[in-house]
PDB file of N, CA and C in Angstrom:
ATOM      1  N   UNK A   1       0.754  -1.278  -0.319  1.00  0.00           N
ATOM      2  CA  UNK A   1      -0.055  -0.490   0.327  1.00  0.00           C
ATOM      3  C   UNK A   1       0.962   1.062  -0.223  1.00  0.00           C
ATOM      4  N   UNK A   2       2.047   1.101   1.106  1.00  0.00           N
ATOM      5  CA  UNK A   2       2.810   2.851   0.962  1.00  0.00           C
ATOM      6  C   UNK A   2       3.287   2.916  -0.396  1.00  0.00           C
ATOM      7  N   UNK A   3       3.709   2.062  -1.582  1.00  0.00           N
ATOM      8  CA  UNK A   3       4.319   1.936  -2.879  1.00  0.00           C
ATOM      9  C   UNK A   3       3.644   2.764  -3.121  1.00  0.00           C
ATOM     10  N   UNK A   4       2.203   2.463  -3.580  1.00  0.00           N
ATOM     11  CA  UNK A   4       1.295   2.721  -4.359  1.00  0.00           C
ATOM     12  C   UNK A   4       0.779   4.352  -3.750  1.00  0.00           C
ATOM     13  N   UNK A   5       0.969   4.017  -2.600  1.00  0.00           N
ATOM     14  CA  UNK A   5       1.012   5.839  -1.923  1.00  0.00           C
ATOM     15  C   UNK A   5       1.971   7.045  -2.302  1.00  0.00           C
ATOM     16  N   UNK A   6       3.002   6.303  -2.489  1.00  0.00           N
ATOM     17  CA  UNK A   6       3.917   7.328  -3.199  1.00  0.00           C
ATOM     18  C   UNK A   6       3.639   7.010  -5.146  1.00  0.00           C
ATOM     19  N   UNK A   7       3.181   6.303  -5.622  1.00  0.00           N
ATOM     20  CA  UNK A   7       3.546   6.457  -6.496  1.00  0.00           C
ATOM     21  C   UNK A   7       2.118   7.257  -7.219  1.00  0.00           C
ATOM     22  N   UNK A   8       1.260   7.214  -5.938  1.00  0.00           N
ATOM     23  CA  UNK A   8      -0.312   8.830  -6.328  1.00  0.00           C
ATOM     24  C   UNK A   8       0.405   9.865  -5.925  1.00  0.00           C
ATOM     25  N   UNK A   9       1.327  10.206  -4.985  1.00  0.00           N
ATOM     26  CA  UNK A   9       2.068  11.312  -4.603  1.00  0.00           C
ATOM     27  C   UNK A   9       2.945  11.750  -6.015  1.00  0.00           C
ATOM     28  N   UNK A  10       4.029  10.893  -6.555  1.00  0.00           N
ATOM     29  CA  UNK A  10       4.800  11.079  -7.569  1.00  0.00           C
ATOM     30  C   UNK A  10       3.867  11.578  -8.803  1.00  0.00           C
ATOM     31  N   UNK A  11       2.322  11.429  -9.113  1.00  0.00           N
ATOM     32  CA  UNK A  11       1.750  11.678 -10.051  1.00  0.00           C
ATOM     33  C   UNK A  11       0.927  12.783  -9.847  1.00  0.00           C
ATOM     34  N   UNK A  12       0.962  13.578  -8.297  1.00  0.00           N
ATOM     35  CA  UNK A  12      -0.161  14.362  -8.021  1.00  0.00           C
ATOM     36  C   UNK A  12       1.455  15.484  -8.121  1.00  0.00           C
ATOM     37  N   UNK A  13       2.595  15.393  -7.684  1.00  0.00           N
ATOM     38  CA  UNK A  13       3.574  16.269  -7.898  1.00  0.00           C
ATOM     39  C   UNK A  13       4.104  16.452  -9.581  1.00  0.00           C
ATOM     40  N   UNK A  14       3.419  15.777 -10.522  1.00  0.00           N
ATOM     41  CA  UNK A  14       3.888  15.951 -11.775  1.00  0.00           C
ATOM     42  C   UNK A  14       3.049  16.777 -12.264  1.00  0.00           C
ATOM     43  N   UNK A  15       1.607  16.799 -11.471  1.00  0.00           N
ATOM     44  CA  UNK A  15       0.160  17.547 -12.087  1.00  0.00           C
ATOM     45  C   UNK A  15       0.543  19.089 -11.610  1.00  0.00           C
ATOM     46  N   UNK A  16       1.570  18.852  -9.984  1.00  0.00           N
ATOM     47  CA  UNK A  16       1.316  20.443  -9.821  1.00  0.00           C
ATOM     48  C   UNK A  16       2.363  20.977 -10.471  1.00  0.00           C
ATOM     49  N   UNK A  17       3.536  19.999 -11.010  1.00  0.00           N
ATOM     50  CA  UNK A  17       5.015  20.758 -11.655  1.00  0.00           C
ATOM     51  C   UNK A  17       4.466  21.584 -13.138  1.00  0.00           C
ATOM     52  N   UNK A  18       3.737  20.780 -13.686  1.00  0.00           N
ATOM     53  CA  UNK A  18       3.191  21.004 -14.886  1.00  0.00           C
ATOM     54  C   UNK A  18       1.857  22.575 -14.862  1.00  0.00           C
ATOM     55  N   UNK A  19       1.493  22.506 -13.479  1.00  0.00           N
ATOM     56  CA  UNK A  19       0.269  23.936 -13.778  1.00  0.00           C
ATOM     57  C   UNK A  19       0.958  24.845 -12.921  1.00  0.00           C
ATOM     58  N   UNK A  20       2.031  24.400 -11.923  1.00  0.00           N
ATOM     59  CA  UNK A  20       3.026  25.465 -11.864  1.00  0.00           C
ATOM     60  C   UNK A  20       4.219  26.069 -13.287  1.00  0.00           C
ATOM     61  N   UNK A  21       4.278  24.921 -14.331  1.00  0.00           N
ATOM     62  CA  UNK A  21       5.049  25.648 -15.276  1.00  0.00           C
ATOM     63  C   UNK A  21       3.866  26.524 -16.372  1.00  0.00           C
ATOM     64  N   UNK A  22       3.102  26.280 -16.263  1.00  0.00           N
ATOM     65  CA  UNK A  22       1.847  26.976 -17.075  1.00  0.00           C
ATOM     66  C   UNK A  22       1.904  28.628 -16.087  1.00  0.00           C
TER      67      UNK A  22
END
């Protein structure tokens, strides 16, 4: 379960980075 949470966090961080880039 922890590994899945870490993957979700990575996806969320990617989305945040993309929004910040815009």
